[in-house]
């Protein structure tokens, strides 16, 4: 009788452990799926790690909790920011090119 109770208890512990592992895997899959649906939102965490070292892991872990409609809005905002940054980079490169031209012209005596 004691052996049966011990065996039953161990089986119940195994079932609980398996359920927790499966639940954890599902959450990880949900996070990965969420991150693949919203790559800019996921990538936004990379730049934050220097400013908020503890906050980024929290945000990455909990990111899939955001409602789909709100995640779509955030994704679009990150896309717009990327576009704005790209345009700014082009302006910066144009300014650098102008600066180089002026220096080279001055060196040539123009």
PDB file of N, CA and C in Angstrom:
ATOM      1  N   UNK A   1       0.833  -1.202   0.000  1.00  0.00           N
ATOM      2  CA  UNK A   1       0.000   0.000   0.000  1.00  0.00           C
ATOM      3  C   UNK A   1       0.873   1.260   0.000  1.00  0.00           C
ATOM      4  N   UNK A   2       1.893   1.282   0.858  1.00  0.00           N
ATOM      5  CA  UNK A   2       2.796   2.434   0.928  1.00  0.00           C
ATOM      6  C   UNK A   2       3.538   2.641  -0.369  1.00  0.00           C
ATOM      7  N   UNK A   3       3.956   1.546  -1.014  1.00  0.00           N
ATOM      8  CA  UNK A   3       4.664   1.630  -2.295  1.00  0.00           C
ATOM      9  C   UNK A   3       3.745   2.215  -3.378  1.00  0.00           C
ATOM     10  N   UNK A   4       2.483   1.819  -3.334  1.00  0.00           N
ATOM     11  CA  UNK A   4       1.542   2.312  -4.331  1.00  0.00           C
ATOM     12  C   UNK A   4       1.317   3.813  -4.165  1.00  0.00           C
ATOM     13  N   UNK A   5       1.193   4.275  -2.917  1.00  0.00           N
ATOM     14  CA  UNK A   5       1.014   5.705  -2.665  1.00  0.00           C
ATOM     15  C   UNK A   5       2.243   6.489  -3.104  1.00  0.00           C
ATOM     16  N   UNK A   6       3.426   5.968  -2.786  1.00  0.00           N
ATOM     17  CA  UNK A   6       4.669   6.622  -3.180  1.00  0.00           C
ATOM     18  C   UNK A   6       4.767   6.684  -4.703  1.00  0.00           C
ATOM     19  N   UNK A   7       4.446   5.584  -5.364  1.00  0.00           N
ATOM     20  CA  UNK A   7       4.485   5.540  -6.828  1.00  0.00           C
ATOM     21  C   UNK A   7       3.477   6.532  -7.423  1.00  0.00           C
ATOM     22  N   UNK A   8       2.269   6.570  -6.855  1.00  0.00           N
ATOM     23  CA  UNK A   8       1.227   7.479  -7.338  1.00  0.00           C
ATOM     24  C   UNK A   8       1.664   8.931  -7.152  1.00  0.00           C
ATOM     25  N   UNK A   9       2.284   9.231  -6.004  1.00  0.00           N
ATOM     26  CA  UNK A   9       2.759  10.584  -5.724  1.00  0.00           C
ATOM     27  C   UNK A   9       3.843  10.988  -6.726  1.00  0.00           C
ATOM     28  N   UNK A  10       4.760  10.070  -7.012  1.00  0.00           N
ATOM     29  CA  UNK A  10       5.831  10.366  -7.970  1.00  0.00           C
ATOM     30  C   UNK A  10       5.257  10.584  -9.365  1.00  0.00           C
ATOM     31  N   UNK A  11       4.270   9.797  -9.743  1.00  0.00           N
ATOM     32  CA  UNK A  11       3.635   9.957 -11.051  1.00  0.00           C
ATOM     33  C   UNK A  11       2.947  11.323 -11.147  1.00  0.00           C
ATOM     34  N   UNK A  12       2.288  11.734 -10.065  1.00  0.00           N
ATOM     35  CA  UNK A  12       1.626  13.038 -10.058  1.00  0.00           C
ATOM     36  C   UNK A  12       2.656  14.159 -10.178  1.00  0.00           C
ATOM     37  N   UNK A  13       3.791  14.022  -9.487  1.00  0.00           N
ATOM     38  CA  UNK A  13       4.859  15.015  -9.581  1.00  0.00           C
ATOM     39  C   UNK A  13       5.391  15.099 -11.003  1.00  0.00           C
ATOM     40  N   UNK A  14       5.568  13.949 -11.653  1.00  0.00           N
ATOM     41  CA  UNK A  14       6.047  13.925 -13.031  1.00  0.00           C
ATOM     42  C   UNK A  14       5.064  14.632 -13.956  1.00  0.00           C
ATOM     43  N   UNK A  15       3.752  14.365 -13.744  1.00  0.00           N
ATOM     44  CA  UNK A  15       2.739  14.989 -14.585  1.00  0.00           C
ATOM     45  C   UNK A  15       2.762  16.507 -14.430  1.00  0.00           C
ATOM     46  N   UNK A  16       2.904  16.968 -13.191  1.00  0.00           N
ATOM     47  CA  UNK A  16       2.971  18.407 -12.939  1.00  0.00           C
ATOM     48  C   UNK A  16       4.210  18.994 -13.617  1.00  0.00           C
ATOM     49  N   UNK A  17       5.347  18.308 -13.475  1.00  0.00           N
ATOM     50  CA  UNK A  17       6.593  18.782 -14.084  1.00  0.00           C
ATOM     51  C   UNK A  17       6.467  18.827 -15.601  1.00  0.00           C
ATOM     52  N   UNK A  18       5.866  17.806 -16.187  1.00  0.00           N
ATOM     53  CA  UNK A  18       5.686  17.769 -17.643  1.00  0.00           C
ATOM     54  C   UNK A  18       4.775  18.905 -18.089  1.00  0.00           C
ATOM     55  N   UNK A  19       3.698  19.128 -17.345  1.00  0.00           N
ATOM     56  CA  UNK A  19       2.779  20.218 -17.685  1.00  0.00           C
ATOM     57  C   UNK A  19       3.493  21.563 -17.638  1.00  0.00           C
ATOM     58  N   UNK A  20       4.349  21.769 -16.643  1.00  0.00           N
ATOM     59  CA  UNK A  20       5.087  23.029 -16.531  1.00  0.00           C
ATOM     60  C   UNK A  20       6.050  23.203 -17.701  1.00  0.00           C
ATOM     61  N   UNK A  21       6.746  22.139 -18.072  1.00  0.00           N
ATOM     62  CA  UNK A  21       7.674  22.211 -19.201  1.00  0.00           C
ATOM     63  C   UNK A  21       6.914  22.507 -20.490  1.00  0.00           C
ATOM     64  N   UNK A  22       5.813  21.823 -20.700  1.00  0.00           N
ATOM     65  CA  UNK A  22       5.003  22.047 -21.900  1.00  0.00           C
ATOM     66  C   UNK A  22       4.483  23.485 -21.905  1.00  0.00           C
ATOM     67  N   UNK A  23       4.008  23.944 -20.765  1.00  0.00           N
ATOM     68  CA  UNK A  23       3.495  25.315 -20.666  1.00  0.00           C
ATOM     69  C   UNK A  23       4.607  26.305 -20.984  1.00  0.00           C
ATOM     70  N   UNK A  24       5.794  26.065 -20.442  1.00  0.00           N
ATOM     71  CA  UNK A  24       6.930  26.950 -20.696  1.00  0.00           C
ATOM     72  C   UNK A  24       7.293  26.945 -22.180  1.00  0.00           C
ATOM     73  N   UNK A  25       7.290  25.761 -22.811  1.00  0.00           N
ATOM     74  CA  UNK A  25       7.585  25.672 -24.240  1.00  0.00           C
ATOM     75  C   UNK A  25       6.540  26.410 -25.061  1.00  0.00           C
ATOM     76  N   UNK A  26       5.282  26.301 -24.684  1.00  0.00           N
ATOM     77  CA  UNK A  26       4.218  27.002 -25.394  1.00  0.00           C
ATOM     78  C   UNK A  26       4.431  28.505 -25.282  1.00  0.00           C
ATOM     79  N   UNK A  27       4.756  28.987 -24.087  1.00  0.00           N
ATOM     80  CA  UNK A  27       5.008  30.419 -23.888  1.00  0.00           C
ATOM     81  C   UNK A  27       6.188  30.858 -24.741  1.00  0.00           C
ATOM     82  N   UNK A  28       7.271  30.061 -24.760  1.00  0.00           N
ATOM     83  CA  UNK A  28       8.430  30.405 -25.587  1.00  0.00           C
ATOM     84  C   UNK A  28       8.042  30.430 -27.052  1.00  0.00           C
ATOM     85  N   UNK A  29       7.273  29.443 -27.509  1.00  0.00           N
ATOM     86  CA  UNK A  29       6.828  29.422 -28.897  1.00  0.00           C
ATOM     87  C   UNK A  29       5.952  30.627 -29.210  1.00  0.00           C
ATOM     88  N   UNK A  30       5.069  30.987 -28.278  1.00  0.00           N
ATOM     89  CA  UNK A  30       4.223  32.165 -28.459  1.00  0.00           C
ATOM     90  C   UNK A  30       5.089  33.410 -28.600  1.00  0.00           C
ATOM     91  N   UNK A  31       6.128  33.522 -27.754  1.00  0.00           N
ATOM     92  CA  UNK A  31       7.025  34.682 -27.816  1.00  0.00           C
ATOM     93  C   UNK A  31       7.750  34.721 -29.155  1.00  0.00           C
ATOM     94  N   UNK A  32       8.269  33.565 -29.596  1.00  0.00           N
ATOM     95  CA  UNK A  32       8.978  33.514 -30.866  1.00  0.00           C
ATOM     96  C   UNK A  32       8.037  33.820 -32.017  1.00  0.00           C
ATOM     97  N   UNK A  33       6.823  33.280 -31.964  1.00  0.00           N
ATOM     98  CA  UNK A  33       5.839  33.544 -33.000  1.00  0.00           C
ATOM     99  C   UNK A  33       5.498  35.031 -33.025  1.00  0.00           C
ATOM    100  N   UNK A  34       5.299  35.597 -31.845  1.00  0.00           N
ATOM    101  CA  UNK A  34       4.989  37.016 -31.734  1.00  0.00           C
ATOM    102  C   UNK A  34       6.129  37.843 -32.312  1.00  0.00           C
ATOM    103  N   UNK A  35       7.360  37.475 -31.948  1.00  0.00           N
ATOM    104  CA  UNK A  35       8.523  38.222 -32.422  1.00  0.00           C
ATOM    105  C   UNK A  35       8.693  38.096 -33.932  1.00  0.00           C
ATOM    106  N   UNK A  36       8.324  36.959 -34.505  1.00  0.00           N
ATOM    107  CA  UNK A  36       8.421  36.818 -35.960  1.00  0.00           C
ATOM    108  C   UNK A  36       7.332  37.619 -36.661  1.00  0.00           C
ATOM    109  N   UNK A  37       6.190  37.783 -36.016  1.00  0.00           N
ATOM    110  CA  UNK A  37       5.115  38.592 -36.600  1.00  0.00           C
ATOM    111  C   UNK A  37       5.448  40.074 -36.552  1.00  0.00           C
ATOM    112  N   UNK A  38       6.189  40.484 -35.522  1.00  0.00           N
ATOM    113  CA  UNK A  38       6.497  41.898 -35.302  1.00  0.00           C
ATOM    114  C   UNK A  38       8.008  42.069 -35.124  1.00  0.00           C
ATOM    115  N   UNK A  39       8.777  41.921 -36.211  1.00  0.00           N
ATOM    116  CA  UNK A  39      10.235  41.944 -36.094  1.00  0.00           C
ATOM    117  C   UNK A  39      10.801  43.286 -35.618  1.00  0.00           C
ATOM    118  N   UNK A  40      10.188  44.380 -36.014  1.00  0.00           N
ATOM    119  CA  UNK A  40      10.692  45.685 -35.594  1.00  0.00           C
ATOM    120  C   UNK A  40      10.466  45.890 -34.094  1.00  0.00           C
ATOM    121  N   UNK A  41       9.332  45.431 -33.647  1.00  0.00           N
ATOM    122  CA  UNK A  41       9.019  45.525 -32.224  1.00  0.00           C
ATOM    123  C   UNK A  41      10.032  44.698 -31.429  1.00  0.00           C
ATOM    124  N   UNK A  42      10.355  43.525 -31.922  1.00  0.00           N
ATOM    125  CA  UNK A  42      11.346  42.673 -31.256  1.00  0.00           C
ATOM    126  C   UNK A  42      12.730  43.318 -31.310  1.00  0.00           C
ATOM    127  N   UNK A  43      13.082  43.881 -32.469  1.00  0.00           N
ATOM    128  CA  UNK A  43      14.400  44.493 -32.630  1.00  0.00           C
ATOM    129  C   UNK A  43      14.539  45.771 -31.809  1.00  0.00           C
ATOM    130  N   UNK A  44      13.425  46.393 -31.475  1.00  0.00           N
ATOM    131  CA  UNK A  44      13.484  47.644 -30.716  1.00  0.00           C
ATOM    132  C   UNK A  44      14.162  47.453 -29.364  1.00  0.00           C
ATOM    133  N   UNK A  45      14.171  46.230 -28.878  1.00  0.00           N
ATOM    134  CA  UNK A  45      14.782  45.943 -27.578  1.00  0.00           C
ATOM    135  C   UNK A  45      16.304  46.038 -27.627  1.00  0.00           C
ATOM    136  N   UNK A  46      16.883  45.813 -28.792  1.00  0.00           N
ATOM    137  CA  UNK A  46      18.344  45.777 -28.904  1.00  0.00           C
ATOM    138  C   UNK A  46      18.964  47.102 -28.478  1.00  0.00           C
ATOM    139  N   UNK A  47      18.417  48.191 -28.945  1.00  0.00           N
ATOM    140  CA  UNK A  47      18.970  49.494 -28.606  1.00  0.00           C
ATOM    141  C   UNK A  47      18.709  49.923 -27.176  1.00  0.00           C
ATOM    142  N   UNK A  48      17.756  49.301 -26.548  1.00  0.00           N
ATOM    143  CA  UNK A  48      17.396  49.694 -25.192  1.00  0.00           C
ATOM    144  C   UNK A  48      18.275  49.045 -24.127  1.00  0.00           C
ATOM    145  N   UNK A  49      19.020  48.018 -24.499  1.00  0.00           N
ATOM    146  CA  UNK A  49      19.765  47.261 -23.485  1.00  0.00           C
ATOM    147  C   UNK A  49      20.797  48.121 -22.770  1.00  0.00           C
ATOM    148  N   UNK A  50      21.351  49.110 -23.453  1.00  0.00           N
ATOM    149  CA  UNK A  50      22.325  49.974 -22.780  1.00  0.00           C
ATOM    150  C   UNK A  50      21.640  50.965 -21.850  1.00  0.00           C
ATOM    151  N   UNK A  51      20.450  51.406 -22.225  1.00  0.00           N
ATOM    152  CA  UNK A  51      19.735  52.372 -21.388  1.00  0.00           C
ATOM    153  C   UNK A  51      19.029  51.701 -20.213  1.00  0.00           C
ATOM    154  N   UNK A  52      18.446  50.552 -20.472  1.00  0.00           N
ATOM    155  CA  UNK A  52      17.652  49.858 -19.466  1.00  0.00           C
ATOM    156  C   UNK A  52      18.061  48.388 -19.410  1.00  0.00           C
ATOM    157  N   UNK A  53      19.223  48.081 -18.820  1.00  0.00           N
ATOM    158  CA  UNK A  53      19.721  46.696 -18.870  1.00  0.00           C
ATOM    159  C   UNK A  53      18.742  45.660 -18.330  1.00  0.00           C
ATOM    160  N   UNK A  54      18.028  45.961 -17.276  1.00  0.00           N
ATOM    161  CA  UNK A  54      17.098  44.978 -16.710  1.00  0.00           C
ATOM    162  C   UNK A  54      15.744  45.017 -17.403  1.00  0.00           C
ATOM    163  N   UNK A  55      15.405  46.135 -17.979  1.00  0.00           N
ATOM    164  CA  UNK A  55      14.095  46.296 -18.594  1.00  0.00           C
ATOM    165  C   UNK A  55      13.931  45.546 -19.891  1.00  0.00           C
ATOM    166  N   UNK A  56      15.014  45.355 -20.644  1.00  0.00           N
ATOM    167  CA  UNK A  56      14.866  44.720 -21.947  1.00  0.00           C
ATOM    168  C   UNK A  56      14.485  43.256 -21.833  1.00  0.00           C
ATOM    169  N   UNK A  57      15.077  42.534 -20.897  1.00  0.00           N
ATOM    170  CA  UNK A  57      14.704  41.121 -20.774  1.00  0.00           C
ATOM    171  C   UNK A  57      13.248  41.008 -20.333  1.00  0.00           C
ATOM    172  N   UNK A  58      12.829  41.901 -19.460  1.00  0.00           N
ATOM    173  CA  UNK A  58      11.427  41.912 -19.030  1.00  0.00           C
ATOM    174  C   UNK A  58      10.514  42.157 -20.225  1.00  0.00           C
ATOM    175  N   UNK A  59      10.847  43.157 -21.029  1.00  0.00           N
ATOM    176  CA  UNK A  59      10.015  43.481 -22.188  1.00  0.00           C
ATOM    177  C   UNK A  59      10.009  42.354 -23.205  1.00  0.00           C
ATOM    178  N   UNK A  60      11.158  41.745 -23.457  1.00  0.00           N
ATOM    179  CA  UNK A  60      11.211  40.630 -24.409  1.00  0.00           C
ATOM    180  C   UNK A  60      10.371  39.459 -23.930  1.00  0.00           C
ATOM    181  N   UNK A  61      10.492  39.145 -22.655  1.00  0.00           N
ATOM    182  CA  UNK A  61       9.752  38.012 -22.106  1.00  0.00           C
ATOM    183  C   UNK A  61       8.253  38.248 -22.143  1.00  0.00           C
ATOM    184  N   UNK A  62       7.837  39.472 -21.928  1.00  0.00           N
ATOM    185  CA  UNK A  62       6.411  39.779 -21.807  1.00  0.00           C
ATOM    186  C   UNK A  62       5.804  40.385 -23.072  1.00  0.00           C
ATOM    187  N   UNK A  63       6.606  40.535 -24.108  1.00  0.00           N
ATOM    188  CA  UNK A  63       6.155  41.206 -25.314  1.00  0.00           C
ATOM    189  C   UNK A  63       4.915  40.553 -25.923  1.00  0.00           C
ATOM    190  N   UNK A  64       4.832  39.238 -25.863  1.00  0.00           N
ATOM    191  CA  UNK A  64       3.705  38.554 -26.497  1.00  0.00           C
ATOM    192  C   UNK A  64       2.384  38.776 -25.761  1.00  0.00           C
ATOM    193  N   UNK A  65       2.435  39.444 -24.616  1.00  0.00           N
ATOM    194  CA  UNK A  65       1.212  39.738 -23.885  1.00  0.00           C
ATOM    195  C   UNK A  65       0.453  40.935 -24.472  1.00  0.00           C
ATOM    196  N   UNK A  66       1.136  41.690 -25.334  1.00  0.00           N
ATOM    197  CA  UNK A  66       0.513  42.864 -25.945  1.00  0.00           C
ATOM    198  C   UNK A  66      -0.583  42.401 -26.900  1.00  0.00           C
ATOM    199  N   UNK A  67      -1.698  43.082 -26.857  1.00  0.00           N
ATOM    200  CA  UNK A  67      -2.813  42.753 -27.756  1.00  0.00           C
ATOM    201  C   UNK A  67      -2.373  42.949 -29.204  1.00  0.00           C
ATOM    202  N   UNK A  68      -2.878  42.115 -30.082  1.00  0.00           N
ATOM    203  CA  UNK A  68      -2.470  42.123 -31.485  1.00  0.00           C
ATOM    204  C   UNK A  68      -2.660  43.488 -32.133  1.00  0.00           C
ATOM    205  N   UNK A  69      -3.787  44.135 -31.909  1.00  0.00           N
ATOM    206  CA  UNK A  69      -4.030  45.442 -32.534  1.00  0.00           C
ATOM    207  C   UNK A  69      -3.025  46.480 -32.058  1.00  0.00           C
ATOM    208  N   UNK A  70      -2.683  46.435 -30.785  1.00  0.00           N
ATOM    209  CA  UNK A  70      -1.698  47.388 -30.250  1.00  0.00           C
ATOM    210  C   UNK A  70      -0.292  47.041 -30.729  1.00  0.00           C
ATOM    211  N   UNK A  71      -0.007  45.762 -30.871  1.00  0.00           N
ATOM    212  CA  UNK A  71       1.302  45.344 -31.382  1.00  0.00           C
ATOM    213  C   UNK A  71       1.477  45.811 -32.824  1.00  0.00           C
ATOM    214  N   UNK A  72       0.411  45.744 -33.615  1.00  0.00           N
ATOM    215  CA  UNK A  72       0.476  46.204 -35.001  1.00  0.00           C
ATOM    216  C   UNK A  72       0.778  47.699 -35.057  1.00  0.00           C
ATOM    217  N   UNK A  73       0.143  48.473 -34.175  1.00  0.00           N
ATOM    218  CA  UNK A  73       0.385  49.920 -34.127  1.00  0.00           C
ATOM    219  C   UNK A  73       1.840  50.190 -33.748  1.00  0.00           C
ATOM    220  N   UNK A  74       2.332  49.489 -32.725  1.00  0.00           N
ATOM    221  CA  UNK A  74       3.731  49.660 -32.323  1.00  0.00           C
ATOM    222  C   UNK A  74       4.677  49.273 -33.444  1.00  0.00           C
ATOM    223  N   UNK A  75       4.391  48.182 -34.125  1.00  0.00           N
ATOM    224  CA  UNK A  75       5.228  47.721 -35.232  1.00  0.00           C
ATOM    225  C   UNK A  75       5.303  48.801 -36.307  1.00  0.00           C
ATOM    226  N   UNK A  76       4.178  49.411 -36.623  1.00  0.00           N
ATOM    227  CA  UNK A  76       4.160  50.481 -37.630  1.00  0.00           C
ATOM    228  C   UNK A  76       4.951  51.700 -37.152  1.00  0.00           C
ATOM    229  N   UNK A  77       4.855  52.018 -35.868  1.00  0.00           N
ATOM    230  CA  UNK A  77       5.625  53.144 -35.330  1.00  0.00           C
ATOM    231  C   UNK A  77       7.122  52.875 -35.425  1.00  0.00           C
ATOM    232  N   UNK A  78       7.533  51.627 -35.134  1.00  0.00           N
ATOM    233  CA  UNK A  78       8.956  51.276 -35.259  1.00  0.00           C
ATOM    234  C   UNK A  78       9.385  51.323 -36.717  1.00  0.00           C
ATOM    235  N   UNK A  79       8.503  50.919 -37.638  1.00  0.00           N
ATOM    236  CA  UNK A  79       8.826  50.973 -39.065  1.00  0.00           C
ATOM    237  C   UNK A  79       9.021  52.423 -39.503  1.00  0.00           C
ATOM    238  N   UNK A  80       8.147  53.301 -39.054  1.00  0.00           N
ATOM    239  CA  UNK A  80       8.268  54.726 -39.398  1.00  0.00           C
ATOM    240  C   UNK A  80       9.569  55.287 -38.844  1.00  0.00           C
ATOM    241  N   UNK A  81       9.898  54.922 -37.612  1.00  0.00           N
ATOM    242  CA  UNK A  81      11.147  55.392 -37.016  1.00  0.00           C
ATOM    243  C   UNK A  81      12.350  54.910 -37.822  1.00  0.00           C
ATOM    244  N   UNK A  82      12.325  53.645 -38.257  1.00  0.00           N
ATOM    245  CA  UNK A  82      13.407  53.117 -39.101  1.00  0.00           C
ATOM    246  C   UNK A  82      13.517  53.922 -40.395  1.00  0.00           C
ATOM    247  N   UNK A  83      12.382  54.224 -41.008  1.00  0.00           N
ATOM    248  CA  UNK A  83      12.380  55.007 -42.241  1.00  0.00           C
ATOM    249  C   UNK A  83      12.952  56.402 -41.983  1.00  0.00           C
ATOM    250  N   UNK A  84      12.533  57.037 -40.891  1.00  0.00           N
ATOM    251  CA  UNK A  84      13.042  58.359 -40.540  1.00  0.00           C
ATOM    252  C   UNK A  84      14.548  58.318 -40.271  1.00  0.00           C
ATOM    253  N   UNK A  85      15.004  57.268 -39.593  1.00  0.00           N
ATOM    254  CA  UNK A  85      16.440  57.129 -39.313  1.00  0.00           C
ATOM    255  C   UNK A  85      17.227  56.940 -40.612  1.00  0.00           C
ATOM    256  N   UNK A  86      16.663  56.169 -41.553  1.00  0.00           N
ATOM    257  CA  UNK A  86      17.332  55.960 -42.841  1.00  0.00           C
ATOM    258  C   UNK A  86      17.449  57.280 -43.598  1.00  0.00           C
ATOM    259  N   UNK A  87      16.368  58.067 -43.598  1.00  0.00           N
ATOM    260  CA  UNK A  87      16.398  59.365 -44.267  1.00  0.00           C
ATOM    261  C   UNK A  87      17.420  60.284 -43.597  1.00  0.00           C
ATOM    262  N   UNK A  88      17.476  60.234 -42.282  1.00  0.00           N
ATOM    263  CA  UNK A  88      18.458  61.038 -41.556  1.00  0.00           C
ATOM    264  C   UNK A  88      19.885  60.595 -41.890  1.00  0.00           C
ATOM    265  N   UNK A  89      20.090  59.287 -42.032  1.00  0.00           N
ATOM    266  CA  UNK A  89      21.409  58.770 -42.386  1.00  0.00           C
ATOM    267  C   UNK A  89      21.826  59.280 -43.760  1.00  0.00           C
ATOM    268  N   UNK A  90      20.886  59.325 -44.701  1.00  0.00           N
ATOM    269  CA  UNK A  90      21.199  59.847 -46.033  1.00  0.00           C
ATOM    270  C   UNK A  90      21.605  61.315 -45.932  1.00  0.00           C
ATOM    271  N   UNK A  91      20.879  62.097 -45.135  1.00  0.00           N
ATOM    272  CA  UNK A  91      21.228  63.503 -44.945  1.00  0.00           C
ATOM    273  C   UNK A  91      22.617  63.632 -44.321  1.00  0.00           C
ATOM    274  N   UNK A  92      22.901  62.777 -43.337  1.00  0.00           N
ATOM    275  CA  UNK A  92      24.206  62.795 -42.670  1.00  0.00           C
ATOM    276  C   UNK A  92      25.321  62.479 -43.672  1.00  0.00           C
ATOM    277  N   UNK A  93      25.087  61.466 -44.508  1.00  0.00           N
ATOM    278  CA  UNK A  93      26.089  61.091 -45.511  1.00  0.00           C
ATOM    279  C   UNK A  93      26.293  62.201 -46.535  1.00  0.00           C
ATOM    280  N   UNK A  94      25.203  62.867 -46.930  1.00  0.00           N
ATOM    281  CA  UNK A  94      25.316  64.001 -47.845  1.00  0.00           C
ATOM    282  C   UNK A  94      26.155  65.111 -47.218  1.00  0.00           C
ATOM    283  N   UNK A  95      25.930  65.381 -45.942  1.00  0.00           N
ATOM    284  CA  UNK A  95      26.692  66.419 -45.246  1.00  0.00           C
ATOM    285  C   UNK A  95      28.171  66.033 -45.144  1.00  0.00           C
ATOM    286  N   UNK A  96      28.437  64.764 -44.866  1.00  0.00           N
ATOM    287  CA  UNK A  96      29.824  64.291 -44.796  1.00  0.00           C
ATOM    288  C   UNK A  96      30.492  64.437 -46.167  1.00  0.00           C
ATOM    289  N   UNK A  97      29.760  64.070 -47.226  1.00  0.00           N
ATOM    290  CA  UNK A  97      30.311  64.195 -48.581  1.00  0.00           C
ATOM    291  C   UNK A  97      30.607  65.654 -48.905  1.00  0.00           C
ATOM    292  N   UNK A  98      29.701  66.545 -48.553  1.00  0.00           N
ATOM    293  CA  UNK A  98      29.928  67.980 -48.774  1.00  0.00           C
ATOM    294  C   UNK A  98      31.155  68.455 -48.002  1.00  0.00           C
ATOM    295  N   UNK A  99      31.281  68.035 -46.778  1.00  0.00           N
ATOM    296  CA  UNK A  99      32.410  68.391 -45.922  1.00  0.00           C
ATOM    297  C   UNK A  99      33.719  67.926 -46.580  1.00  0.00           C
ATOM    298  N   UNK A 100      33.746  66.665 -47.035  1.00  0.00           N
ATOM    299  CA  UNK A 100      34.938  66.136 -47.707  1.00  0.00           C
ATOM    300  C   UNK A 100      35.272  66.938 -48.960  1.00  0.00           C
ATOM    301  N   UNK A 101      34.232  67.267 -49.758  1.00  0.00           N
ATOM    302  CA  UNK A 101      34.470  68.049 -50.982  1.00  0.00           C
ATOM    303  C   UNK A 101      35.108  69.393 -50.646  1.00  0.00           C
ATOM    304  N   UNK A 102      34.588  70.049 -49.627  1.00  0.00           N
ATOM    305  CA  UNK A 102      35.135  71.349 -49.242  1.00  0.00           C
ATOM    306  C   UNK A 102      36.583  71.227 -48.778  1.00  0.00           C
ATOM    307  N   UNK A 103      36.894  70.198 -48.021  1.00  0.00           N
ATOM    308  CA  UNK A 103      38.267  69.995 -47.547  1.00  0.00           C
ATOM    309  C   UNK A 103      39.196  69.684 -48.722  1.00  0.00           C
ATOM    310  N   UNK A 104      38.767  68.801 -49.606  1.00  0.00           N
ATOM    311  CA  UNK A 104      39.591  68.439 -50.761  1.00  0.00           C
ATOM    312  C   UNK A 104      39.791  69.658 -51.667  1.00  0.00           C
ATOM    313  N   UNK A 105      38.710  70.413 -51.915  1.00  0.00           N
ATOM    314  CA  UNK A 105      38.837  71.634 -52.736  1.00  0.00           C
ATOM    315  C   UNK A 105      39.807  72.611 -52.077  1.00  0.00           C
ATOM    316  N   UNK A 106      39.724  72.773 -50.772  1.00  0.00           N
ATOM    317  CA  UNK A 106      40.639  73.695 -50.074  1.00  0.00           C
ATOM    318  C   UNK A 106      42.077  73.214 -50.175  1.00  0.00           C
ATOM    319  N   UNK A 107      42.278  71.900 -50.082  1.00  0.00           N
ATOM    320  CA  UNK A 107      43.633  71.343 -50.196  1.00  0.00           C
ATOM    321  C   UNK A 107      44.194  71.586 -51.616  1.00  0.00           C
ATOM    322  N   UNK A 108      43.329  71.547 -52.610  1.00  0.00           N
ATOM    323  CA  UNK A 108      43.750  71.763 -54.009  1.00  0.00           C
ATOM    324  C   UNK A 108      43.890  73.243 -54.331  1.00  0.00           C
ATOM    325  N   UNK A 109      43.474  74.081 -53.406  1.00  0.00           N
ATOM    326  CA  UNK A 109      43.576  75.514 -53.630  1.00  0.00           C
ATOM    327  C   UNK A 109      42.426  76.086 -54.427  1.00  0.00           C
ATOM    328  N   UNK A 110      41.317  75.391 -54.463  1.00  0.00           N
ATOM    329  CA  UNK A 110      40.131  75.878 -55.215  1.00  0.00           C
ATOM    330  C   UNK A 110      39.308  76.816 -54.396  1.00  0.00           C
TER     331      UNK A 110
END
